Protein backbone atom coordinates (compact mmCIF):
# COMPACT_ATOMS: atom_id res chain seq x y z
CA MET A 1 -47.52 -85.98 -24.41
CA LYS A 2 -45.46 -83.43 -22.56
CA PRO A 3 -47.22 -80.05 -22.47
CA MET A 4 -45.54 -77.35 -24.51
CA ALA A 5 -45.22 -73.74 -23.44
CA SER A 6 -47.90 -71.41 -24.73
CA PRO A 7 -46.38 -69.75 -27.82
CA CYS A 8 -45.95 -66.05 -28.41
CA ILE A 9 -48.27 -64.89 -31.18
CA SER A 10 -46.27 -63.54 -34.13
CA SER A 11 -47.02 -60.20 -35.76
CA GLU A 12 -48.23 -62.11 -38.83
CA ALA A 13 -50.63 -64.13 -36.68
CA GLN A 14 -51.81 -60.95 -34.96
CA GLU A 15 -52.68 -59.51 -38.36
CA GLU A 16 -54.67 -62.65 -39.19
CA LEU A 17 -56.56 -62.39 -35.92
CA SER A 18 -57.36 -58.73 -36.55
CA ARG A 19 -59.88 -59.75 -39.23
CA HIS A 20 -61.40 -62.73 -37.45
CA PRO A 21 -64.60 -61.69 -35.62
CA CYS A 22 -64.46 -64.66 -33.23
CA TYR A 23 -60.83 -64.30 -32.21
CA SER A 24 -60.82 -60.50 -32.00
CA GLU A 25 -63.24 -58.36 -29.98
CA GLU A 26 -62.43 -55.39 -32.23
CA ALA A 27 -62.90 -57.36 -35.47
CA HIS A 28 -66.35 -58.57 -34.47
CA ARG A 29 -67.65 -55.01 -34.70
CA PHE A 30 -66.69 -54.66 -38.36
CA PHE A 31 -65.92 -58.01 -40.05
CA ALA A 32 -68.43 -60.71 -40.95
CA ARG A 33 -68.27 -64.50 -40.86
CA MET A 34 -70.09 -67.20 -42.82
CA HIS A 35 -70.75 -70.75 -41.66
CA LEU A 36 -71.30 -73.44 -44.28
CA PRO A 37 -73.59 -76.28 -43.08
CA VAL A 38 -72.09 -79.16 -45.09
CA ALA A 39 -71.34 -81.58 -42.23
CA PRO A 40 -74.49 -83.28 -40.85
CA ALA A 41 -73.01 -86.41 -39.25
CA CYS A 42 -71.60 -86.47 -35.71
CA ASN A 43 -69.45 -89.05 -33.96
CA ILE A 44 -70.21 -88.18 -30.33
CA GLN A 45 -73.32 -87.59 -28.24
CA CYS A 46 -73.57 -84.76 -25.71
CA HIS A 47 -76.22 -84.68 -23.00
CA TYR A 48 -77.14 -81.07 -23.87
CA CYS A 49 -77.62 -81.68 -27.60
CA ASN A 50 -80.52 -82.86 -29.72
CA ARG A 51 -79.86 -82.04 -33.35
CA LYS A 52 -83.17 -83.58 -34.43
CA PHE A 53 -84.87 -80.46 -33.08
CA ASP A 54 -84.55 -77.51 -35.43
CA CYS A 55 -86.21 -74.11 -35.51
CA VAL A 56 -85.30 -71.22 -37.80
CA ASN A 57 -85.72 -68.84 -34.84
CA GLU A 58 -83.21 -70.68 -32.68
CA SER A 59 -79.66 -69.42 -32.35
CA ARG A 60 -77.44 -72.17 -31.05
CA PRO A 61 -74.71 -74.41 -32.45
CA GLY A 62 -75.97 -77.44 -34.36
CA VAL A 63 -79.04 -75.70 -35.79
CA VAL A 64 -79.44 -75.09 -39.53
CA SER A 65 -82.25 -74.42 -41.98
CA GLU A 66 -80.80 -76.77 -44.60
CA VAL A 67 -77.67 -78.81 -45.21
CA LEU A 68 -75.67 -77.85 -48.30
CA THR A 69 -73.63 -79.95 -50.69
CA PRO A 70 -70.06 -78.76 -51.34
CA GLU A 71 -71.22 -77.50 -54.77
CA GLN A 72 -74.07 -75.51 -53.22
CA ALA A 73 -71.73 -74.14 -50.56
CA GLU A 74 -69.32 -72.98 -53.26
CA HIS A 75 -72.10 -71.10 -55.04
CA LYS A 76 -73.38 -69.58 -51.82
CA VAL A 77 -69.92 -68.34 -50.79
CA LYS A 78 -69.52 -66.58 -54.14
CA GLY A 79 -72.95 -64.99 -53.80
CA VAL A 80 -72.32 -63.75 -50.26
CA ALA A 81 -68.76 -62.52 -50.94
CA ALA A 82 -70.02 -60.57 -53.97
CA GLN A 83 -72.46 -58.62 -51.77
CA LEU A 84 -70.98 -58.67 -48.25
CA MET A 85 -67.70 -56.82 -48.62
CA GLN A 86 -66.81 -57.23 -44.95
CA LEU A 87 -66.91 -61.05 -45.17
CA SER A 88 -63.48 -62.10 -43.89
CA VAL A 89 -63.95 -65.63 -42.54
CA VAL A 90 -65.65 -68.73 -43.91
CA GLY A 91 -66.00 -71.59 -41.46
CA ILE A 92 -67.49 -75.05 -41.17
CA ALA A 93 -68.96 -75.86 -37.78
CA GLY A 94 -71.60 -78.49 -38.42
CA PRO A 95 -74.45 -79.05 -37.92
CA GLY A 96 -72.62 -82.23 -36.87
CA ASP A 97 -68.86 -82.47 -36.63
CA PRO A 98 -66.89 -81.34 -39.72
CA LEU A 99 -64.26 -84.05 -39.27
CA ALA A 100 -66.92 -86.75 -39.04
CA ASN A 101 -67.72 -85.52 -42.57
CA ALA A 102 -64.09 -84.99 -43.57
CA GLU A 103 -64.47 -85.55 -47.32
CA LYS A 104 -67.30 -83.02 -47.69
CA THR A 105 -65.61 -80.57 -45.35
CA PHE A 106 -62.25 -80.48 -47.11
CA ASP A 107 -63.85 -80.52 -50.56
CA THR A 108 -65.83 -77.44 -49.53
CA PHE A 109 -62.75 -75.65 -48.21
CA ARG A 110 -60.89 -76.30 -51.48
CA ARG A 111 -63.77 -74.82 -53.46
CA VAL A 112 -64.02 -71.76 -51.17
CA LYS A 113 -60.31 -71.03 -51.44
CA GLN A 114 -60.50 -71.21 -55.22
CA GLN A 115 -63.52 -68.92 -55.53
CA VAL A 116 -62.80 -66.38 -52.77
CA PRO A 117 -59.08 -66.59 -51.97
CA ASP A 118 -59.07 -63.54 -49.69
CA VAL A 119 -61.18 -65.12 -46.90
CA ALA A 120 -59.66 -66.93 -43.95
CA LEU A 121 -60.72 -70.55 -43.46
CA CYS A 122 -61.96 -71.69 -40.06
CA LEU A 123 -62.84 -75.14 -38.73
CA SER A 124 -64.71 -76.13 -35.55
CA THR A 125 -64.59 -79.67 -34.22
CA ASN A 126 -65.15 -81.85 -31.17
CA GLY A 127 -61.58 -83.08 -31.71
CA LEU A 128 -62.20 -86.83 -31.72
CA THR A 129 -60.49 -87.44 -35.07
CA LEU A 130 -58.55 -84.19 -35.29
CA TYR A 131 -55.10 -85.78 -35.02
CA ARG A 132 -55.72 -87.68 -38.28
CA HIS A 133 -56.34 -84.50 -40.28
CA VAL A 134 -53.63 -82.11 -39.08
CA GLU A 135 -51.54 -82.39 -42.26
CA GLN A 136 -54.58 -81.79 -44.48
CA ILE A 137 -55.58 -78.78 -42.39
CA VAL A 138 -52.10 -77.30 -42.83
CA ALA A 139 -51.98 -78.10 -46.56
CA LEU A 140 -55.31 -76.38 -47.21
CA GLY A 141 -54.23 -73.22 -45.40
CA ILE A 142 -56.82 -73.50 -42.63
CA ARG A 143 -55.32 -71.14 -40.07
CA HIS A 144 -58.01 -71.14 -37.37
CA VAL A 145 -59.36 -74.21 -35.59
CA THR A 146 -61.80 -74.31 -32.69
CA ILE A 147 -61.97 -77.39 -30.46
CA THR A 148 -64.81 -77.87 -27.97
CA ILE A 149 -63.23 -79.17 -24.76
CA ASN A 150 -65.60 -79.36 -21.80
CA ALA A 151 -63.40 -81.39 -19.47
CA ILE A 152 -59.91 -82.81 -19.09
CA ASP A 153 -60.95 -85.25 -16.34
CA PRO A 154 -62.82 -88.37 -17.60
CA GLU A 155 -64.82 -88.47 -14.34
CA VAL A 156 -66.26 -85.07 -15.29
CA GLY A 157 -66.53 -85.92 -18.98
CA ARG A 158 -68.60 -89.05 -18.39
CA ASP A 159 -71.48 -86.84 -17.18
CA ILE A 160 -71.32 -84.83 -20.43
CA TYR A 161 -70.76 -87.49 -23.11
CA PRO A 162 -72.83 -90.71 -22.93
CA TRP A 163 -71.04 -92.22 -25.94
CA ILE A 164 -68.63 -91.67 -28.81
CA PHE A 165 -68.18 -93.65 -32.02
CA ASP A 166 -64.78 -94.15 -33.64
CA GLU A 167 -63.61 -96.54 -36.37
CA GLY A 168 -66.63 -98.79 -36.00
CA VAL A 169 -66.41 -99.02 -32.21
CA ARG A 170 -68.86 -97.44 -29.76
CA TYR A 171 -67.39 -96.31 -26.42
CA GLU A 172 -69.57 -95.40 -23.45
CA GLY A 173 -69.26 -93.74 -20.05
CA LYS A 174 -65.82 -93.07 -18.66
CA ALA A 175 -64.08 -94.93 -21.51
CA ALA A 176 -65.77 -92.62 -24.03
CA ALA A 177 -64.77 -89.48 -22.14
CA GLU A 178 -61.21 -90.73 -21.63
CA LEU A 179 -60.63 -91.40 -25.33
CA LEU A 180 -62.29 -88.15 -26.44
CA ILE A 181 -60.26 -86.01 -24.03
CA CYS A 182 -57.01 -87.69 -25.03
CA ARG A 183 -57.72 -87.06 -28.71
CA GLN A 184 -58.75 -83.44 -28.10
CA LEU A 185 -55.57 -82.58 -26.23
CA GLN A 186 -53.43 -84.44 -28.76
CA GLY A 187 -55.02 -82.55 -31.65
CA LEU A 188 -54.62 -79.21 -29.88
CA GLU A 189 -50.92 -79.74 -29.29
CA LEU A 190 -50.25 -80.95 -32.85
CA LEU A 191 -52.00 -77.92 -34.33
CA ALA A 192 -50.20 -75.46 -32.06
CA GLN A 193 -46.85 -77.02 -33.01
CA ARG A 194 -47.68 -76.36 -36.68
CA GLY A 195 -48.54 -72.71 -36.01
CA ILE A 196 -52.31 -73.08 -36.33
CA LEU A 197 -54.26 -70.60 -34.17
CA VAL A 198 -56.42 -72.69 -31.84
CA LYS A 199 -59.42 -71.44 -29.89
CA VAL A 200 -60.96 -73.74 -27.30
CA ASN A 201 -64.69 -73.59 -26.60
CA SER A 202 -66.00 -74.85 -23.27
CA ILE A 203 -69.63 -75.00 -22.20
CA LEU A 204 -70.32 -73.95 -18.61
CA ILE A 205 -72.56 -76.67 -17.13
CA PRO A 206 -73.56 -75.92 -13.52
CA GLY A 207 -73.07 -78.88 -11.23
CA ILE A 208 -70.95 -80.71 -13.81
CA ASN A 209 -67.87 -78.74 -14.88
CA ASP A 210 -68.27 -75.27 -13.37
CA HIS A 211 -65.50 -75.82 -10.79
CA HIS A 212 -63.38 -77.80 -13.27
CA LEU A 213 -63.06 -75.24 -16.08
CA PRO A 214 -60.15 -73.28 -14.51
CA ALA A 215 -58.11 -76.48 -14.71
CA VAL A 216 -59.18 -76.89 -18.34
CA SER A 217 -58.09 -73.33 -19.12
CA GLU A 218 -54.71 -73.76 -17.46
CA HIS A 219 -54.02 -77.00 -19.35
CA ILE A 220 -55.04 -75.80 -22.82
CA LYS A 221 -52.90 -72.71 -22.37
CA LYS A 222 -49.87 -74.92 -21.75
CA LEU A 223 -50.66 -76.90 -24.90
CA GLY A 224 -50.73 -73.76 -27.05
CA ALA A 225 -54.33 -72.54 -27.29
CA VAL A 226 -54.46 -68.77 -27.99
CA LEU A 227 -58.02 -68.13 -26.80
CA HIS A 228 -60.53 -69.71 -24.39
CA ASN A 229 -64.23 -69.17 -24.99
CA VAL A 230 -66.55 -70.26 -22.18
CA THR A 231 -70.23 -70.14 -23.12
CA PRO A 232 -73.36 -70.80 -21.07
CA LEU A 233 -75.16 -74.11 -21.39
CA ILE A 234 -78.01 -74.08 -23.91
CA ILE A 235 -80.27 -77.07 -23.29
CA ALA A 236 -81.80 -78.38 -26.52
CA PRO A 237 -85.44 -79.50 -26.35
CA GLY A 238 -85.59 -83.26 -26.00
CA SER A 239 -82.00 -83.56 -24.77
CA GLN A 240 -80.99 -85.63 -21.74
CA TYR A 241 -80.21 -82.50 -19.74
CA GLU A 242 -83.72 -81.20 -20.37
CA GLN A 243 -85.18 -84.49 -19.19
CA ASP A 244 -82.96 -84.30 -16.11
CA GLY A 245 -84.23 -80.80 -15.32
CA ARG A 246 -80.75 -79.30 -15.49
CA LYS A 247 -80.57 -75.48 -15.53
CA ALA A 248 -78.44 -73.06 -17.54
CA PRO A 249 -76.00 -70.87 -15.59
CA ARG A 250 -76.95 -67.37 -14.54
CA PRO A 251 -75.08 -64.52 -16.28
CA LYS A 252 -73.28 -63.69 -13.03
CA GLU A 253 -71.84 -67.22 -12.84
CA LEU A 254 -70.43 -66.95 -16.36
CA ASN A 255 -68.99 -63.48 -15.72
CA GLN A 256 -67.30 -64.59 -12.50
CA LEU A 257 -65.73 -67.60 -14.22
CA GLN A 258 -64.47 -65.47 -17.11
CA GLU A 259 -62.82 -63.14 -14.59
CA VAL A 260 -61.09 -66.08 -12.90
CA LEU A 261 -59.80 -67.47 -16.20
CA GLY A 262 -58.54 -64.06 -17.31
CA ARG A 263 -56.45 -63.64 -14.16
CA ASP A 264 -54.30 -66.63 -15.13
CA GLY A 265 -53.10 -64.94 -18.31
CA MET A 266 -55.30 -66.82 -20.76
CA LYS A 267 -57.01 -64.59 -23.31
CA VAL A 268 -60.76 -65.01 -22.74
CA MET A 269 -63.41 -64.43 -25.40
CA ARG A 270 -66.37 -62.44 -24.06
CA HIS A 271 -68.32 -61.61 -27.23
CA CYS A 272 -69.39 -65.09 -28.43
CA ARG A 273 -72.94 -65.41 -29.77
CA GLN A 274 -73.09 -69.25 -29.88
CA CYS A 275 -73.92 -69.01 -33.57
CA ARG A 276 -75.97 -71.35 -35.70
CA ALA A 277 -74.07 -73.61 -38.07
CA ASP A 278 -75.43 -71.60 -41.03
CA ALA A 279 -74.93 -68.07 -39.64
CA ILE A 280 -73.95 -65.22 -41.99
CA GLY A 281 -73.03 -61.62 -41.15
CA LEU A 282 -71.66 -59.76 -38.15
CA LEU A 283 -71.68 -61.51 -34.78
CA GLY A 284 -75.02 -60.81 -33.17
CA GLN A 285 -76.57 -60.56 -36.62
CA ASP A 286 -77.67 -63.51 -38.74
CA ARG A 287 -78.48 -62.75 -42.37
CA ASN A 288 -78.73 -66.34 -43.56
CA GLN A 289 -82.30 -65.81 -44.75
CA ASP A 290 -81.09 -62.92 -46.95
CA PHE A 291 -78.78 -65.30 -48.82
CA THR A 292 -80.82 -68.41 -49.49
CA LEU A 293 -79.85 -70.22 -52.70
CA ASP A 294 -82.96 -69.03 -54.54
CA LYS A 295 -82.02 -65.38 -53.89
CA LEU A 296 -78.49 -65.60 -55.30
CA GLU A 297 -77.48 -64.74 -58.84
CA ALA A 298 -76.79 -67.65 -61.17
CA ASP A 299 -73.15 -66.64 -61.57
CA PRO A 300 -72.13 -64.11 -58.90
CA VAL A 301 -69.05 -62.00 -59.61
CA VAL A 302 -66.62 -61.45 -56.72
CA ASN A 303 -64.78 -58.13 -57.06
CA THR A 304 -61.54 -58.90 -55.23
CA GLU A 305 -60.16 -55.37 -55.53
CA ALA A 306 -63.32 -53.79 -54.14
CA ARG A 307 -63.38 -56.26 -51.27
CA GLU A 308 -59.76 -55.56 -50.36
CA SER A 309 -60.26 -51.79 -50.51
CA PHE A 310 -63.35 -52.02 -48.29
CA GLN A 311 -61.56 -54.23 -45.77
CA ARG A 312 -58.50 -51.97 -45.67
CA ASP A 313 -60.78 -49.19 -44.49
CA LEU A 314 -62.07 -51.48 -41.75
CA ASP A 315 -58.47 -52.33 -40.81
CA ALA A 316 -57.78 -48.61 -40.36
CA LYS A 317 -60.79 -48.25 -38.04
CA ILE A 318 -59.59 -51.14 -35.93
CA ARG A 319 -56.05 -49.75 -35.75
CA ASN A 320 -57.42 -46.42 -34.52
CA ARG A 321 -59.46 -48.17 -31.84
CA LEU A 322 -56.44 -50.19 -30.74
CA LYS A 323 -54.35 -47.01 -30.51
CA ALA A 324 -57.01 -45.55 -28.26
CA ARG A 325 -56.90 -48.70 -26.15
CA THR A 326 -53.12 -48.50 -25.88
CA ALA A 327 -53.54 -44.91 -24.70
CA GLY A 328 -55.60 -46.25 -21.81
CA GLN A 329 -59.09 -45.54 -23.06
CA SER A 330 -60.38 -49.07 -22.40
CA VAL A 331 -58.50 -49.95 -19.21
CA LEU A 332 -60.64 -49.51 -16.14
CA GLN A 333 -59.14 -47.71 -13.16
CA LYS A 334 -58.03 -49.99 -10.35
CA GLY A 335 -59.95 -49.61 -7.13
CA VAL A 336 -63.01 -48.12 -8.86
CA HIS A 337 -66.13 -50.29 -8.81
CA PRO A 338 -67.32 -50.34 -12.45
CA THR A 339 -70.88 -49.68 -13.55
CA LYS A 340 -72.48 -52.29 -15.79
CA VAL A 341 -74.42 -51.01 -18.79
CA ALA A 342 -76.63 -53.22 -21.00
CA VAL A 343 -76.84 -52.26 -24.69
CA ALA A 344 -79.33 -53.34 -27.33
CA THR A 345 -77.54 -53.40 -30.69
CA ARG A 346 -77.85 -54.95 -34.14
CA GLY A 347 -74.10 -54.50 -34.63
CA GLY A 348 -71.88 -51.84 -36.14
CA ASP A 349 -70.73 -50.70 -32.68
CA LYS A 350 -73.92 -48.63 -32.29
CA VAL A 351 -76.95 -48.43 -30.02
CA ASN A 352 -79.46 -49.22 -32.76
CA GLN A 353 -82.01 -51.78 -31.54
CA HIS A 354 -85.42 -51.46 -29.89
CA PHE A 355 -85.69 -53.09 -26.46
CA GLY A 356 -88.58 -55.26 -27.56
CA HIS A 357 -86.72 -56.70 -30.54
CA ALA A 358 -83.49 -57.58 -28.74
CA THR A 359 -82.58 -61.25 -28.33
CA GLU A 360 -79.37 -60.39 -26.51
CA PHE A 361 -77.70 -57.50 -24.71
CA LEU A 362 -74.04 -56.59 -24.81
CA ILE A 363 -72.87 -55.91 -21.27
CA TYR A 364 -70.21 -53.23 -20.81
CA GLU A 365 -68.35 -52.05 -17.72
CA THR A 366 -67.28 -48.44 -17.23
CA ASP A 367 -65.61 -46.32 -14.59
CA GLY A 368 -67.08 -43.17 -16.15
CA VAL A 369 -63.98 -42.59 -18.28
CA HIS A 370 -63.10 -45.94 -19.82
CA VAL A 371 -65.35 -48.63 -21.31
CA ARG A 372 -64.80 -52.35 -21.86
CA LEU A 373 -66.98 -55.21 -23.09
CA ALA A 374 -67.79 -57.62 -20.24
CA GLY A 375 -69.94 -60.18 -22.07
CA VAL A 376 -73.13 -61.08 -23.89
CA ARG A 377 -76.45 -62.10 -22.33
CA LYS A 378 -79.09 -63.80 -24.41
CA ILE A 379 -82.80 -63.29 -23.78
CA GLN A 380 -86.15 -64.14 -25.28
CA ALA A 381 -87.40 -61.18 -27.34
CA TYR A 382 -90.06 -59.16 -25.53
CA CYS A 383 -91.94 -58.38 -28.76
CA HIS A 384 -92.75 -60.79 -31.58
CA GLY A 385 -93.75 -58.64 -34.53
CA ILE A 386 -96.40 -56.64 -32.64
CA ALA A 387 -96.07 -52.87 -32.93
CA ASP A 388 -97.22 -52.20 -29.35
CA CYS A 389 -94.65 -53.37 -26.79
CA ASN A 390 -96.97 -52.59 -23.88
CA GLY A 391 -98.83 -55.90 -24.06
CA ASP A 392 -98.96 -58.41 -21.23
CA LYS A 393 -95.75 -60.38 -21.52
CA GLU A 394 -95.09 -60.66 -17.82
CA ALA A 395 -93.06 -63.86 -17.76
CA THR A 396 -90.68 -62.69 -20.49
CA LEU A 397 -90.24 -59.26 -18.93
CA GLN A 398 -89.59 -60.74 -15.50
CA GLU A 399 -86.89 -62.99 -16.96
CA ILE A 400 -85.25 -60.02 -18.71
CA ILE A 401 -85.30 -58.02 -15.47
CA SER A 402 -83.64 -60.89 -13.60
CA ILE A 403 -80.92 -61.12 -16.26
CA LEU A 404 -80.23 -57.36 -16.13
CA GLN A 405 -80.63 -56.82 -12.39
CA ASP A 406 -76.93 -55.99 -11.91
CA CYS A 407 -77.00 -53.37 -14.72
CA PRO A 408 -78.21 -49.98 -13.44
CA ILE A 409 -78.38 -48.61 -17.01
CA LEU A 410 -79.91 -50.02 -20.20
CA LEU A 411 -79.41 -48.33 -23.58
CA CYS A 412 -81.68 -48.99 -26.55
CA SER A 413 -83.11 -47.15 -29.56
CA GLY A 414 -86.67 -47.36 -28.22
CA ILE A 415 -88.76 -48.93 -25.46
CA GLY A 416 -92.41 -49.13 -24.46
CA GLY A 417 -93.81 -47.48 -21.35
CA ILE A 418 -94.60 -50.65 -19.40
CA PRO A 419 -91.17 -52.30 -19.74
CA ARG A 420 -89.45 -48.98 -19.02
CA ALA A 421 -91.46 -48.54 -15.82
CA ARG A 422 -90.94 -52.14 -14.70
CA LEU A 423 -87.21 -51.95 -15.33
CA GLY A 424 -87.05 -48.65 -13.45
CA ALA A 425 -88.85 -50.16 -10.46
CA ALA A 426 -86.22 -52.92 -10.44
CA GLY A 427 -83.39 -50.38 -10.43
CA VAL A 428 -82.56 -50.47 -14.14
CA LEU A 429 -82.68 -47.04 -15.81
CA ALA A 430 -83.75 -47.52 -19.46
CA LEU A 431 -82.48 -44.71 -21.70
CA VAL A 432 -83.23 -44.21 -25.38
CA ARG A 433 -80.02 -43.40 -27.20
CA LYS A 434 -78.64 -43.74 -30.72
CA GLY A 435 -75.14 -43.63 -32.10
CA GLY A 436 -71.79 -45.00 -30.97
CA ILE A 437 -71.87 -47.38 -27.99
CA THR A 438 -68.86 -45.96 -26.13
CA GLU A 439 -70.05 -42.37 -26.43
CA ALA A 440 -73.59 -43.31 -25.40
CA ILE A 441 -72.37 -45.21 -22.35
CA LEU A 442 -70.16 -42.38 -21.07
CA GLU A 443 -72.90 -39.81 -21.66
CA SER A 444 -75.51 -41.97 -19.90
CA VAL A 445 -73.33 -42.63 -16.86
CA LYS A 446 -72.82 -38.88 -16.42
CA TYR A 447 -76.58 -38.34 -16.89
CA SER A 448 -77.52 -40.95 -14.28
CA SER A 449 -74.90 -39.65 -11.83
CA TYR A 450 -76.19 -36.09 -12.19
CA PHE A 451 -79.76 -37.07 -11.34
CA ALA A 452 -78.63 -39.33 -8.51
CA ASN A 453 -76.74 -36.44 -6.93
CA LEU A 454 -79.68 -34.11 -7.58
CA ASN A 455 -82.07 -36.44 -5.74
CA ILE A 456 -79.63 -36.79 -2.84
CA SER A 457 -79.37 -32.99 -2.47
CA LYS A 458 -83.16 -32.64 -2.58
CA GLY A 459 -83.52 -35.27 0.10
C-alpha cells in the first residue's frame, strides 16, 4: 500500500483527545480509564511475554486478577461509572489480544455503550487480524485504537516474535514477523483513512530494535498514526528473554530515543504507565481492587447529568492549563540546560506520595521558569507495608539511586533518614513537599540554587 500523508487532527478529534488520559498528557492528570479483561486468548507469541505468570502486585500489560465475561464487564462498568465521575475511557487491552477474542470484545463494547454512553471506547491490539474488523470498529463508534508495532523490518521482528497463528496456520521466524508487520501496517492505514485516532505502542528492546525504532516512527507517521508511545522492555518471569538474560533499557536510553522521535514531528507519549489489562483509575493509580464484583451494588445507577457536570469542570481545568502552555509557561528556554526533578505522586497533579511507597517517579525538566514532563521511571517500592523506612533494603535503594542519578532534586511527601542521606551522598537532594507539582518544582529549584550559591560563597 502507498503510504498516506499524516492527517491534520480536526478540532472535533482534538476535543475527543482532551478527555483521553493516554492520548493527552493534560487529560491523564484529571480523567480516569478502565480496562476490561474479557479477552484471554492471544494469536502471537512475544519473547518478552509469559501470560501464565500473574501477580496482583505486578503492573504490566497482560496481567489481570481475573478474566470477566461480557455480562460481568457490563455490570462492572456501571458500578465504576456510578462512583468514578472522572471515568472517561473504557478500553479492552487483553490479557490476550482483543481481536483474537473478537466476539467477546465487540459484545462487551456494545454493552458498555448502552449502559454508559458518555465514555469513549478504546481498543488495543497486536494488529494481526485488525484489517478484518475495521468496519465493525467504525460501526461501534470505537474512536481510539492502539496497535503494538515493535518493528517494520522482518529481520528485526523475527527476534521478537517466535510464532503467530492465523486461520489455522502457524507461522514461525521471519515468515511470522513478515505477515504480522504487513497486517499491522495495513490495519493502521485503513483505520486512519476512516478517521480513527491511532496510537502506536513500541517496546524498546536493547540490542534488538533500539536503533530501528526511529524508522518505525517515521513510517507510522506517514500511515496516519497520531501518537507514538515507546515504552521500556518489561521481561516477564519465565519468558524467553529472561532465559536469554536480556536486560531492560536504562531510563536514559528511553529518554534519548523519545527526544530523537520528537524531533521528526511525531507526537510522542511520555506519561505511559504500561498498565495492567484490568487497571481502573487515573494513570499511575490502579483502583481495580476497590471495584471487585463483590463490592459493587446489585444494580448501580449511573447519573449521566452528574458525570457530565463533573467532567465539564475538568475540561475547564485542562483549558486553563493549555492557555498557560500557549503563553509559554511549559516551553523550556533554548540554550538553557534543564534540571531534572523526580516527583513521587499518586496522581491529581500533586506531590502526595511517600518516597518509600512509590513504585514510579514522574520525571520533569525545568529551566527555573517553565516545567515540562519528560517521562516516567518505574522502580521497586522501597517499603512494603513497614512503618519504618530506615530498614536495610540496600539493593532496592541502590537501584533507585541508579535510576535517579541524573535528577539532582527529588520531591516527595515524606522520606526516611537513611534513604535521604544515601540519595544526598549520590547527589540527589530529597525534599519533602506537598501541593501542586509545578509550583513545588519551581520553588525547589530556587531553594537548591540558593544553597548552592551560598556554599560557593562560603568556600
